[in-house]
């Protein structure tokens, strides 16, 4: 077994071309003899990101790219990451301490083409001085638009009605057929009031809701006033809202906060929308609430896991609309996301201010 003394002696024998890397209770030695004069390198985990990002990186660095239009296998990521200066990744990759330490001490930046960064081990990045970039602003409008589309499709039962057209379920007019819930006169609760939550609120106003409330860690009265929203506690929002929209980050405090207890407190006519992260919801509890008609319907752009297995019990219910995580799937938005991710890497490797950096 190697000890610290063994490794230090090894380094002395090799003219100090090796460098020690400490993380947790482990000690790593990495050959740094060729790093100072070599061109910095970047690994990109997807070949199908907008070309603008790849073009920026290729002008400055050696860029290697996973060649398939699917998530890079973990084994391949672990194989390719050693020696890289930066990593261009997506939500589909788990960037944990094993990946980070496998890269070596020259890894200076991890940039994700997403607004969320829960797939990255931030503690390991902080300990090792690795900067983390993300894309918080460019997908705000696209996600807010998708949220409104999903809300309307769910509350007015559009997918269910569409299926009837093709299955023969469309019958002559009747007063109760496919009746859903309108937004006019409703009370809408936003769980989360960041950029996306605020944009959703502004888009709700033309539908003339009776009241818009928001639940967040910090009250923002000035911002809320602009969209005629008011603060509510989680308990108030859950029990009083006709529509609940989840638009917050996934954190330890929000993980599965919408559990069996929360759904039991909701109105029976409540429409539940989640375009944030699947992990914020206890999915088994949601299934039970929908099946037992404790709430009227749910619209989900995010689930756990993703993709959702075709035999998942949620897919057997008529009162749920599920989309394959397409909140930011707007062409211009995806171009901007690639652009910002590349600019974050460029800035980090030049020691400059990133466009959007996670504060560690």
Protein backbone atom coordinates (compact mmCIF):
# COMPACT_ATOMS: atom_id res chain seq x y z
CA UNK A 1 0.00 0.00 0.00
CA UNK A 2 1.25 3.49 -0.84
CA UNK A 3 1.66 5.99 1.99
CA UNK A 4 2.22 9.72 1.78
CA UNK A 5 5.95 9.17 2.39
CA UNK A 6 6.10 6.56 -0.40
CA UNK A 7 4.45 8.93 -2.84
CA UNK A 8 6.68 11.87 -1.85
CA UNK A 9 9.80 9.76 -2.38
CA UNK A 10 8.44 8.65 -5.74
CA UNK A 11 7.96 12.28 -6.73
CA UNK A 12 11.55 13.19 -5.72
CA UNK A 13 12.92 10.36 -7.84
CA UNK A 14 11.04 11.64 -10.87
CA UNK A 15 12.38 15.20 -10.62
CA UNK A 16 9.12 16.55 -9.20
CA UNK A 17 7.28 16.01 -12.45
CA UNK A 18 4.44 14.56 -10.41
CA UNK A 19 2.01 16.59 -8.35
CA UNK A 20 0.00 15.55 -5.30
CA UNK A 21 -3.79 15.89 -5.39
CA UNK A 22 -5.71 15.59 -2.12
CA UNK A 23 -9.42 14.81 -1.95
CA UNK A 24 -11.32 13.43 1.02
CA UNK A 25 -9.14 10.70 2.58
CA UNK A 26 -7.32 9.88 -0.66
CA UNK A 27 -4.03 11.08 -2.11
CA UNK A 28 -3.45 11.09 -5.87
CA UNK A 29 -0.25 11.62 -7.86
CA UNK A 30 -0.43 12.90 -11.43
CA UNK A 31 2.28 13.36 -14.04
CA UNK A 32 2.44 17.08 -14.81
CA UNK A 33 5.69 17.11 -16.81
CA UNK A 34 4.01 17.84 -20.13
CA UNK A 35 1.19 20.05 -18.96
CA UNK A 36 2.79 23.47 -18.90
CA UNK A 37 3.60 23.64 -22.59
CA UNK A 38 0.76 21.59 -24.00
CA UNK A 39 -2.41 23.06 -25.45
CA UNK A 40 -5.32 22.97 -23.05
CA UNK A 41 -7.94 20.34 -23.82
CA UNK A 42 -11.70 20.14 -23.46
CA UNK A 43 -13.97 17.12 -23.44
CA UNK A 44 -17.53 17.55 -24.73
CA UNK A 45 -20.05 14.89 -23.77
CA UNK A 46 -22.42 15.46 -26.73
CA UNK A 47 -21.80 15.92 -30.46
CA UNK A 48 -25.23 17.42 -31.13
CA UNK A 49 -24.94 20.70 -29.22
CA UNK A 50 -25.24 23.80 -31.37
CA UNK A 51 -22.12 24.26 -33.49
CA UNK A 52 -21.44 27.78 -32.21
CA UNK A 53 -20.19 26.39 -28.91
CA UNK A 54 -17.90 23.79 -30.44
CA UNK A 55 -16.51 26.31 -32.93
CA UNK A 56 -15.51 28.70 -30.14
CA UNK A 57 -13.72 25.97 -28.22
CA UNK A 58 -11.96 24.50 -31.26
CA UNK A 59 -10.33 27.86 -32.03
CA UNK A 60 -8.60 27.90 -28.66
CA UNK A 61 -8.25 24.36 -27.39
CA UNK A 62 -7.87 20.71 -28.30
CA UNK A 63 -11.44 19.48 -28.29
CA UNK A 64 -12.56 15.87 -28.16
CA UNK A 65 -16.24 14.96 -28.42
CA UNK A 66 -18.30 11.87 -27.62
CA UNK A 67 -19.46 10.79 -31.07
CA UNK A 68 -22.96 9.39 -30.39
CA UNK A 69 -26.13 11.47 -30.04
CA UNK A 70 -26.89 9.94 -26.67
CA UNK A 71 -25.48 10.33 -23.16
CA UNK A 72 -21.85 9.33 -22.93
CA UNK A 73 -21.47 6.03 -21.01
CA UNK A 74 -19.86 6.49 -17.64
CA UNK A 75 -17.01 4.14 -18.52
CA UNK A 76 -16.23 6.25 -21.58
CA UNK A 77 -16.35 9.47 -19.58
CA UNK A 78 -13.94 8.06 -17.01
CA UNK A 79 -11.68 6.94 -19.84
CA UNK A 80 -11.66 10.29 -21.63
CA UNK A 81 -11.55 12.77 -18.75
CA UNK A 82 -7.92 12.26 -17.55
CA UNK A 83 -5.71 15.15 -18.63
CA UNK A 84 -8.56 17.45 -19.67
CA UNK A 85 -8.58 21.11 -18.67
CA UNK A 86 -12.34 21.53 -18.94
CA UNK A 87 -15.50 19.49 -19.25
CA UNK A 88 -18.54 20.51 -21.32
CA UNK A 89 -21.35 18.35 -19.91
CA UNK A 90 -25.12 17.99 -19.64
CA UNK A 91 -27.67 16.96 -17.02
CA UNK A 92 -27.42 13.38 -18.26
CA UNK A 93 -23.92 12.93 -16.81
CA UNK A 94 -23.21 12.40 -13.14
CA UNK A 95 -20.09 14.43 -12.44
CA UNK A 96 -19.14 13.07 -9.05
CA UNK A 97 -15.87 12.96 -7.12
CA UNK A 98 -14.69 9.90 -9.07
CA UNK A 99 -14.95 11.73 -12.39
CA UNK A 100 -13.44 14.91 -10.99
CA UNK A 101 -10.42 13.25 -9.38
CA UNK A 102 -9.91 10.98 -12.39
CA UNK A 103 -9.45 14.11 -14.50
CA UNK A 104 -6.39 15.22 -12.58
CA UNK A 105 -5.20 18.54 -11.17
CA UNK A 106 -5.25 20.39 -14.48
CA UNK A 107 -9.09 20.28 -14.59
CA UNK A 108 -10.06 23.91 -14.08
CA UNK A 109 -13.66 24.11 -15.23
CA UNK A 110 -16.85 22.09 -15.49
CA UNK A 111 -19.52 23.81 -17.59
CA UNK A 112 -23.00 22.33 -17.90
CA UNK A 113 -25.40 23.17 -20.70
CA UNK A 114 -28.28 23.57 -18.25
CA UNK A 115 -29.64 25.86 -15.58
CA UNK A 116 -29.54 23.01 -13.05
CA UNK A 117 -26.28 21.71 -11.65
CA UNK A 118 -27.41 19.09 -9.14
CA UNK A 119 -25.58 16.45 -11.20
CA UNK A 120 -22.21 18.01 -10.30
CA UNK A 121 -20.43 17.38 -7.00
CA UNK A 122 -20.01 21.01 -5.96
CA UNK A 123 -18.22 20.12 -2.72
CA UNK A 124 -15.50 18.30 -4.64
CA UNK A 125 -15.20 21.22 -7.06
CA UNK A 126 -14.85 23.70 -4.22
CA UNK A 127 -12.16 21.65 -2.47
CA UNK A 128 -10.15 21.27 -5.66
CA UNK A 129 -10.59 24.80 -6.95
CA UNK A 130 -12.63 23.84 -10.02
CA UNK A 131 -14.95 26.52 -11.38
CA UNK A 132 -18.48 25.56 -12.41
CA UNK A 133 -20.45 27.27 -15.18
CA UNK A 134 -24.14 26.98 -16.06
CA UNK A 135 -26.79 28.69 -18.24
CA UNK A 136 -29.38 30.31 -15.96
CA UNK A 137 -30.74 33.20 -18.03
CA UNK A 138 -31.00 32.06 -21.63
CA UNK A 139 -33.70 29.43 -21.11
CA UNK A 140 -36.01 31.48 -18.88
CA UNK A 141 -38.51 32.52 -21.56
CA UNK A 142 -38.57 29.15 -23.29
CA UNK A 143 -39.30 27.35 -20.02
CA UNK A 144 -41.97 29.86 -19.01
CA UNK A 145 -43.68 29.44 -22.39
CA UNK A 146 -43.60 25.66 -22.12
CA UNK A 147 -45.01 25.85 -18.61
CA UNK A 148 -48.00 27.84 -19.84
CA UNK A 149 -48.54 25.40 -22.72
CA UNK A 150 -48.43 22.44 -20.33
CA UNK A 151 -50.76 24.19 -17.89
CA UNK A 152 -53.37 24.83 -20.58
CA UNK A 153 -53.04 21.33 -22.03
CA UNK A 154 -53.55 19.82 -18.57
CA UNK A 155 -56.27 22.07 -17.17
CA UNK A 156 -58.35 21.97 -20.38
CA UNK A 157 -57.68 18.23 -20.97
CA UNK A 158 -56.31 18.80 -24.47
CA UNK A 159 -54.34 15.55 -24.78
CA UNK A 160 -57.21 13.50 -23.42
CA UNK A 161 -59.62 15.15 -25.86
CA UNK A 162 -57.22 14.68 -28.75
CA UNK A 163 -56.98 10.95 -28.03
CA UNK A 164 -60.77 10.71 -28.29
CA UNK A 165 -60.64 12.16 -31.82
CA UNK A 166 -58.45 9.30 -33.01
CA UNK A 167 -59.88 6.48 -30.89
CA UNK A 168 -63.56 6.93 -31.67
CA UNK A 169 -64.35 8.39 -28.30
CA UNK A 170 -65.63 11.66 -29.83
CA UNK A 171 -69.41 11.63 -29.41
CA UNK A 172 -72.13 14.21 -30.15
CA UNK A 173 -72.00 17.30 -27.96
CA UNK A 174 -72.91 16.96 -24.30
CA UNK A 175 -72.66 19.62 -21.57
CA UNK A 176 -70.16 17.75 -19.38
CA UNK A 177 -67.92 16.25 -22.05
CA UNK A 178 -64.20 17.03 -21.52
CA UNK A 179 -64.90 19.88 -19.13
CA UNK A 180 -61.70 21.11 -17.55
CA UNK A 181 -60.74 24.02 -15.34
CA UNK A 182 -60.27 27.55 -16.66
CA UNK A 183 -57.67 29.96 -15.31
CA UNK A 184 -59.99 32.96 -15.05
CA UNK A 185 -60.93 33.52 -11.43
CA UNK A 186 -58.54 30.83 -10.17
CA UNK A 187 -55.89 31.07 -7.49
CA UNK A 188 -52.45 30.11 -8.77
CA UNK A 189 -49.58 29.22 -6.46
CA UNK A 190 -45.97 29.35 -7.66
CA UNK A 191 -43.48 27.25 -5.74
CA UNK A 192 -40.33 29.17 -6.55
CA UNK A 193 -40.07 32.81 -7.60
CA UNK A 194 -36.79 33.12 -9.45
CA UNK A 195 -36.41 34.21 -13.06
CA UNK A 196 -38.67 31.47 -14.42
CA UNK A 197 -41.31 31.87 -11.73
CA UNK A 198 -41.52 35.60 -12.35
CA UNK A 199 -41.88 35.11 -16.12
CA UNK A 200 -44.62 32.52 -15.58
CA UNK A 201 -46.45 35.00 -13.34
CA UNK A 202 -46.32 37.70 -16.02
CA UNK A 203 -47.74 35.25 -18.57
CA UNK A 204 -50.57 34.28 -16.23
CA UNK A 205 -51.95 37.81 -15.92
CA UNK A 206 -53.77 37.93 -19.30
CA UNK A 207 -55.77 34.86 -18.21
CA UNK A 208 -57.27 36.93 -15.35
CA UNK A 209 -56.59 34.73 -12.32
CA UNK A 210 -58.21 35.87 -9.08
CA UNK A 211 -54.93 35.69 -7.21
CA UNK A 212 -51.29 34.73 -7.76
CA UNK A 213 -49.20 33.70 -4.77
CA UNK A 214 -45.58 32.61 -4.54
CA UNK A 215 -43.64 30.56 -2.04
CA UNK A 216 -39.88 31.07 -1.89
CA UNK A 217 -37.00 31.22 0.57
CA UNK A 218 -37.00 35.01 0.42
CA UNK A 219 -39.90 37.39 -0.03
CA UNK A 220 -39.58 39.76 -2.99
CA UNK A 221 -42.35 42.34 -2.55
CA UNK A 222 -41.12 44.79 -5.19
CA UNK A 223 -40.78 42.16 -7.91
CA UNK A 224 -44.03 40.49 -6.87
CA UNK A 225 -45.90 43.79 -7.06
CA UNK A 226 -45.12 44.06 -10.78
CA UNK A 227 -47.00 40.82 -11.48
CA UNK A 228 -49.66 41.35 -8.80
CA UNK A 229 -48.41 38.40 -6.77
CA UNK A 230 -48.30 38.01 -3.00
CA UNK A 231 -46.29 35.83 -0.68
CA UNK A 232 -47.81 32.68 0.84
CA UNK A 233 -46.39 30.02 3.11
CA UNK A 234 -46.03 26.51 1.73
CA UNK A 235 -49.01 25.37 3.80
CA UNK A 236 -51.17 28.22 2.50
CA UNK A 237 -50.18 27.63 -1.12
CA UNK A 238 -50.81 23.88 -0.94
CA UNK A 239 -54.23 24.18 0.66
CA UNK A 240 -55.62 27.27 -1.12
CA UNK A 241 -54.45 27.03 -4.75
CA UNK A 242 -56.51 25.87 -7.69
CA UNK A 243 -53.29 25.59 -9.70
CA UNK A 244 -49.82 24.84 -8.31
CA UNK A 245 -46.76 25.37 -10.51
CA UNK A 246 -43.37 24.05 -9.41
CA UNK A 247 -40.55 26.24 -10.73
CA UNK A 248 -37.80 26.03 -8.11
CA UNK A 249 -34.39 24.41 -7.94
CA UNK A 250 -33.88 20.89 -6.62
CA UNK A 251 -32.08 21.19 -3.29
CA UNK A 252 -31.96 19.08 -0.13
CA UNK A 253 -34.76 21.25 1.29
CA UNK A 254 -37.04 20.89 -1.76
CA UNK A 255 -36.39 17.19 -2.46
CA UNK A 256 -39.76 15.38 -2.47
CA UNK A 257 -41.38 18.29 -0.62
CA UNK A 258 -44.55 17.47 -2.54
CA UNK A 259 -45.23 14.25 -0.69
CA UNK A 260 -48.33 12.32 0.38
CA UNK A 261 -49.08 14.83 3.12
CA UNK A 262 -48.89 17.79 0.72
CA UNK A 263 -51.18 16.21 -1.88
CA UNK A 264 -53.78 15.36 0.76
CA UNK A 265 -54.03 19.06 1.66
CA UNK A 266 -54.68 20.16 -1.93
CA UNK A 267 -58.10 20.98 -3.35
CA UNK A 268 -59.80 18.25 -5.35
CA UNK A 269 -59.91 20.59 -8.35
CA UNK A 270 -56.19 21.37 -8.10
CA UNK A 271 -54.07 21.18 -11.25
CA UNK A 272 -50.43 20.39 -10.41
CA UNK A 273 -47.68 21.43 -12.86
CA UNK A 274 -43.97 20.63 -12.59
CA UNK A 275 -41.44 22.01 -15.08
CA UNK A 276 -38.56 22.17 -12.59
CA UNK A 277 -37.09 18.82 -11.48
CA UNK A 278 -38.71 15.43 -10.95
CA UNK A 279 -36.98 14.96 -7.61
CA UNK A 280 -39.04 17.75 -6.03
CA UNK A 281 -42.04 15.42 -6.12
CA UNK A 282 -42.66 12.08 -4.43
CA UNK A 283 -43.86 10.42 -7.62
CA UNK A 284 -45.57 7.50 -5.90
CA UNK A 285 -47.55 9.96 -3.78
CA UNK A 286 -48.48 11.93 -6.90
CA UNK A 287 -49.67 8.76 -8.64
CA UNK A 288 -51.84 7.89 -5.66
CA UNK A 289 -53.29 11.43 -5.52
CA UNK A 290 -54.20 11.33 -9.20
CA UNK A 291 -55.59 7.80 -9.10
CA UNK A 292 -57.73 8.50 -6.04
CA UNK A 293 -58.85 11.88 -7.50
CA UNK A 294 -57.41 13.76 -4.52
CA UNK A 295 -56.37 16.32 -7.15
CA UNK A 296 -57.85 16.90 -10.59
CA UNK A 297 -54.80 16.55 -12.86
CA UNK A 298 -51.05 16.92 -13.25
CA UNK A 299 -48.81 18.16 -16.03
CA UNK A 300 -45.16 17.10 -15.89
CA UNK A 301 -42.21 18.07 -18.05
CA UNK A 302 -39.86 16.38 -15.58
CA UNK A 303 -40.01 12.98 -13.93
CA UNK A 304 -37.93 10.50 -11.95
CA UNK A 305 -36.28 8.83 -13.74
CA UNK A 306 -35.87 10.31 -17.20
CA UNK A 307 -36.82 8.83 -19.57
CA UNK A 308 -39.83 7.48 -17.71
CA UNK A 309 -40.21 3.70 -18.28
CA UNK A 310 -43.04 2.89 -20.65
CA UNK A 311 -44.66 0.68 -17.98
CA UNK A 312 -44.66 3.38 -15.30
CA UNK A 313 -48.08 3.54 -13.59
CA UNK A 314 -48.36 7.29 -14.22
CA UNK A 315 -48.67 6.59 -17.94
CA UNK A 316 -51.80 4.56 -17.34
CA UNK A 317 -53.75 7.52 -15.97
CA UNK A 318 -55.91 9.81 -18.10
CA UNK A 319 -55.56 12.83 -15.83
CA UNK A 320 -51.85 13.38 -16.33
CA UNK A 321 -49.94 14.98 -19.20
CA UNK A 322 -46.26 14.04 -19.41
CA UNK A 323 -43.68 15.65 -21.70
CA UNK A 324 -40.08 14.45 -22.24
CA UNK A 325 -38.28 17.35 -20.49
CA UNK A 326 -38.54 19.87 -23.33
CA UNK A 327 -38.75 23.08 -21.29
CA UNK A 328 -35.79 24.66 -23.07
CA UNK A 329 -36.39 22.94 -26.41
CA UNK A 330 -36.52 26.13 -28.42
CA UNK A 331 -34.02 26.35 -31.30
CA UNK A 332 -32.67 29.81 -30.45
CA UNK A 333 -32.51 28.93 -26.77
CA UNK A 334 -30.45 25.79 -27.37
CA UNK A 335 -28.06 27.80 -29.58
CA UNK A 336 -27.61 30.34 -26.79
CA UNK A 337 -27.10 27.58 -24.22
CA UNK A 338 -24.26 26.10 -26.27
CA UNK A 339 -22.78 29.56 -26.76
CA UNK A 340 -22.83 30.43 -23.06
CA UNK A 341 -21.41 27.05 -22.04
CA UNK A 342 -18.46 27.53 -24.39
CA UNK A 343 -17.90 31.11 -23.22
CA UNK A 344 -17.89 29.90 -19.61
CA UNK A 345 -15.11 27.43 -20.43
CA UNK A 346 -13.16 30.00 -22.42
CA UNK A 347 -13.29 32.50 -19.56
CA UNK A 348 -12.42 29.94 -16.89
CA UNK A 349 -9.36 28.65 -18.73
CA UNK A 350 -8.16 32.21 -19.29
CA UNK A 351 -8.73 33.16 -15.68
CA UNK A 352 -11.47 35.63 -16.53
CA UNK A 353 -15.02 36.27 -15.33
CA UNK A 354 -17.48 33.64 -16.57
CA UNK A 355 -20.83 34.53 -18.11
CA UNK A 356 -22.63 32.53 -15.41
CA UNK A 357 -20.72 30.88 -12.59
CA UNK A 358 -21.99 28.83 -9.68
CA UNK A 359 -20.78 30.43 -6.48
CA UNK A 360 -19.08 27.67 -4.50
